[in-house]
C-alpha atoms as a PDB file:
ATOM      1  CA  MET A   1      16.277 -12.253 -18.322  1.00  0.00           C
ATOM      2  CA  SER A   2      15.683  -8.822 -17.910  1.00  0.00           C
ATOM      3  CA  ALA A   3      12.329  -7.582 -16.202  1.00  0.00           C
ATOM      4  CA  PHE A   4      12.622  -5.375 -19.808  1.00  0.00           C
ATOM      5  CA  ASN A   5      12.477  -8.671 -21.834  1.00  0.00           C
ATOM      6  CA  ARG A   6       9.689 -10.632 -19.985  1.00  0.00           C
ATOM      7  CA  ILE A   7       6.765  -8.031 -20.409  1.00  0.00           C
ATOM      8  CA  ALA A   8       3.826  -9.325 -23.348  1.00  0.00           C
ATOM      9  CA  TYR A   9       5.409  -7.266 -26.111  1.00  0.00           C
ATOM     10  CA  HIS A  10       8.425  -8.777 -26.386  1.00  0.00           C
ATOM     11  CA  GLN A  11       7.542 -12.352 -26.057  1.00  0.00           C
ATOM     12  CA  ASN A  12       4.913 -11.708 -29.220  1.00  0.00           C
ATOM     13  CA  ARG A  13       1.818 -11.882 -26.698  1.00  0.00           C
ATOM     14  CA  ARG A  14      -1.346  -9.291 -26.875  1.00  0.00           C
ATOM     15  CA  ASP A  15      -2.894 -11.024 -23.508  1.00  0.00           C
ATOM     16  CA  GLU A  16      -2.270  -9.123 -20.445  1.00  0.00           C
ATOM     17  CA  VAL A  17      -1.365 -12.889 -18.483  1.00  0.00           C
ATOM     18  CA  PRO A  18       2.679 -12.436 -18.960  1.00  0.00           C
ATOM     19  CA  ASN A  19       2.974  -8.479 -17.796  1.00  0.00           C
ATOM     20  CA  GLN A  20       0.679  -9.735 -14.728  1.00  0.00           C
ATOM     21  CA  GLN A  21       3.010 -12.338 -13.785  1.00  0.00           C
ATOM     22  CA  LEU A  22       6.059 -10.535 -14.391  1.00  0.00           C
ATOM     23  CA  ALA A  23       3.733  -7.951 -11.650  1.00  0.00           C
ATOM     24  CA  ARG A  24       3.777 -10.719  -9.185  1.00  0.00           C
ATOM     25  CA  ALA A  25       7.410 -12.007  -9.643  1.00  0.00           C
ATOM     26  CA  LEU A  26       8.564  -8.538  -9.179  1.00  0.00           C
ATOM     27  CA  SER A  27       6.681  -7.748  -6.282  1.00  0.00           C
ATOM     28  CA  ALA A  28       7.275 -10.542  -4.171  1.00  0.00           C
ATOM     29  CA  ALA A  29      11.150 -10.659  -5.468  1.00  0.00           C
ATOM     30  CA  ARG A  30      10.722  -6.210  -4.337  1.00  0.00           C
ATOM     31  CA  ASP A  31      13.006  -6.567  -7.486  1.00  0.00           C
ATOM     32  CA  ARG A  32      14.246  -2.900  -7.525  1.00  0.00           C
ATOM     33  CA  LYS A  33      16.368  -3.054 -10.216  1.00  0.00           C
ATOM     34  CA  GLY A  34      13.176  -4.611 -12.333  1.00  0.00           C
ATOM     35  CA  ILE A  35      10.862  -2.188 -11.687  1.00  0.00           C
ATOM     36  CA  ARG A  36      13.266   0.508 -12.454  1.00  0.00           C
ATOM     37  CA  GLU A  37      13.754  -1.014 -15.737  1.00  0.00           C
ATOM     38  CA  ILE A  38       9.812  -1.534 -16.209  1.00  0.00           C
ATOM     39  CA  ALA A  39       9.326   2.355 -15.243  1.00  0.00           C
ATOM     40  CA  ALA A  40      12.280   3.427 -18.100  1.00  0.00           C
ATOM     41  CA  GLY A  41      10.585   1.138 -20.715  1.00  0.00           C
ATOM     42  CA  SER A  42       7.404   3.698 -19.870  1.00  0.00           C
ATOM     43  CA  TRP A  43       9.024   6.394 -21.694  1.00  0.00           C
ATOM     44  CA  ASP A  44       9.907   4.025 -24.859  1.00  0.00           C
ATOM     45  CA  LYS A  45       9.033   4.995 -28.302  1.00  0.00           C
ATOM     46  CA  ASN A  46       7.467   1.967 -28.917  1.00  0.00           C
ATOM     47  CA  ARG A  47       3.759   2.258 -27.875  1.00  0.00           C
ATOM     48  CA  SER A  48       2.896  -0.953 -27.117  1.00  0.00           C
ATOM     49  CA  ILE A  49       6.068  -1.272 -24.634  1.00  0.00           C
ATOM     50  CA  ARG A  50       5.055   1.706 -23.191  1.00  0.00           C
ATOM     51  CA  SER A  51       1.160   0.527 -22.839  1.00  0.00           C
ATOM     52  CA  ASP A  52       2.797  -2.981 -21.259  1.00  0.00           C
ATOM     53  CA  CYS A  53       5.365  -1.532 -18.963  1.00  0.00           C
ATOM     54  CA  VAL A  54       2.708   0.885 -17.469  1.00  0.00           C
ATOM     55  CA  LYS A  55       0.692  -2.065 -17.004  1.00  0.00           C
ATOM     56  CA  VAL A  56       3.242  -3.825 -15.042  1.00  0.00           C
ATOM     57  CA  LEU A  57       3.349  -1.099 -12.962  1.00  0.00           C
ATOM     58  CA  TYR A  58      -0.168  -0.870 -11.980  1.00  0.00           C
ATOM     59  CA  GLU A  59      -0.407  -4.311 -11.490  1.00  0.00           C
ATOM     60  CA  ILE A  60       2.113  -4.237  -8.497  1.00  0.00           C
ATOM     61  CA  GLY A  61       1.139  -0.697  -7.280  1.00  0.00           C
ATOM     62  CA  TYR A  62      -2.236  -2.968  -6.849  1.00  0.00           C
ATOM     63  CA  LEU A  63      -0.392  -5.499  -5.304  1.00  0.00           C
ATOM     64  CA  ASP A  64       2.131  -3.472  -2.944  1.00  0.00           C
ATOM     65  CA  PRO A  65       2.691   0.094  -3.685  1.00  0.00           C
ATOM     66  CA  GLY A  66       5.840  -0.145  -1.479  1.00  0.00           C
ATOM     67  CA  PRO A  67       7.948  -1.301  -3.908  1.00  0.00           C
ATOM     68  CA  ILE A  68       7.295   1.406  -6.711  1.00  0.00           C
ATOM     69  CA  ALA A  69       7.287   4.164  -3.650  1.00  0.00           C
ATOM     70  CA  ARG A  70      11.281   2.757  -3.057  1.00  0.00           C
ATOM     71  CA  VAL A  71      12.001   2.906  -6.417  1.00  0.00           C
ATOM     72  CA  LEU A  72      10.277   6.739  -7.067  1.00  0.00           C
ATOM     73  CA  ALA A  73      12.191   8.009  -4.066  1.00  0.00           C
ATOM     74  CA  GLN A  74      15.551   6.918  -4.902  1.00  0.00           C
ATOM     75  CA  GLY A  75      14.807   8.738  -8.463  1.00  0.00           C
ATOM     76  CA  ARG A  76      14.642  12.248  -6.509  1.00  0.00           C
ATOM     77  CA  ARG A  77      17.863  11.724  -4.679  1.00  0.00           C
END
């Protein structure tokens, strides 16, 4: 299952637990592809999806900002 499909919205949940769990998993694995999927989802037309993706990115940044910094640095090349 892709990271994007694991956000709370796609699990029909309104709480933050799935987003926090996803953030921990992506951060621990340093999953650049998954983080890129979530970053791309932050531009989705659906407001709930955007919100969940921003929450996941926020949680990853709180745990360890390194993976997000690397993904952003790759995007600038």
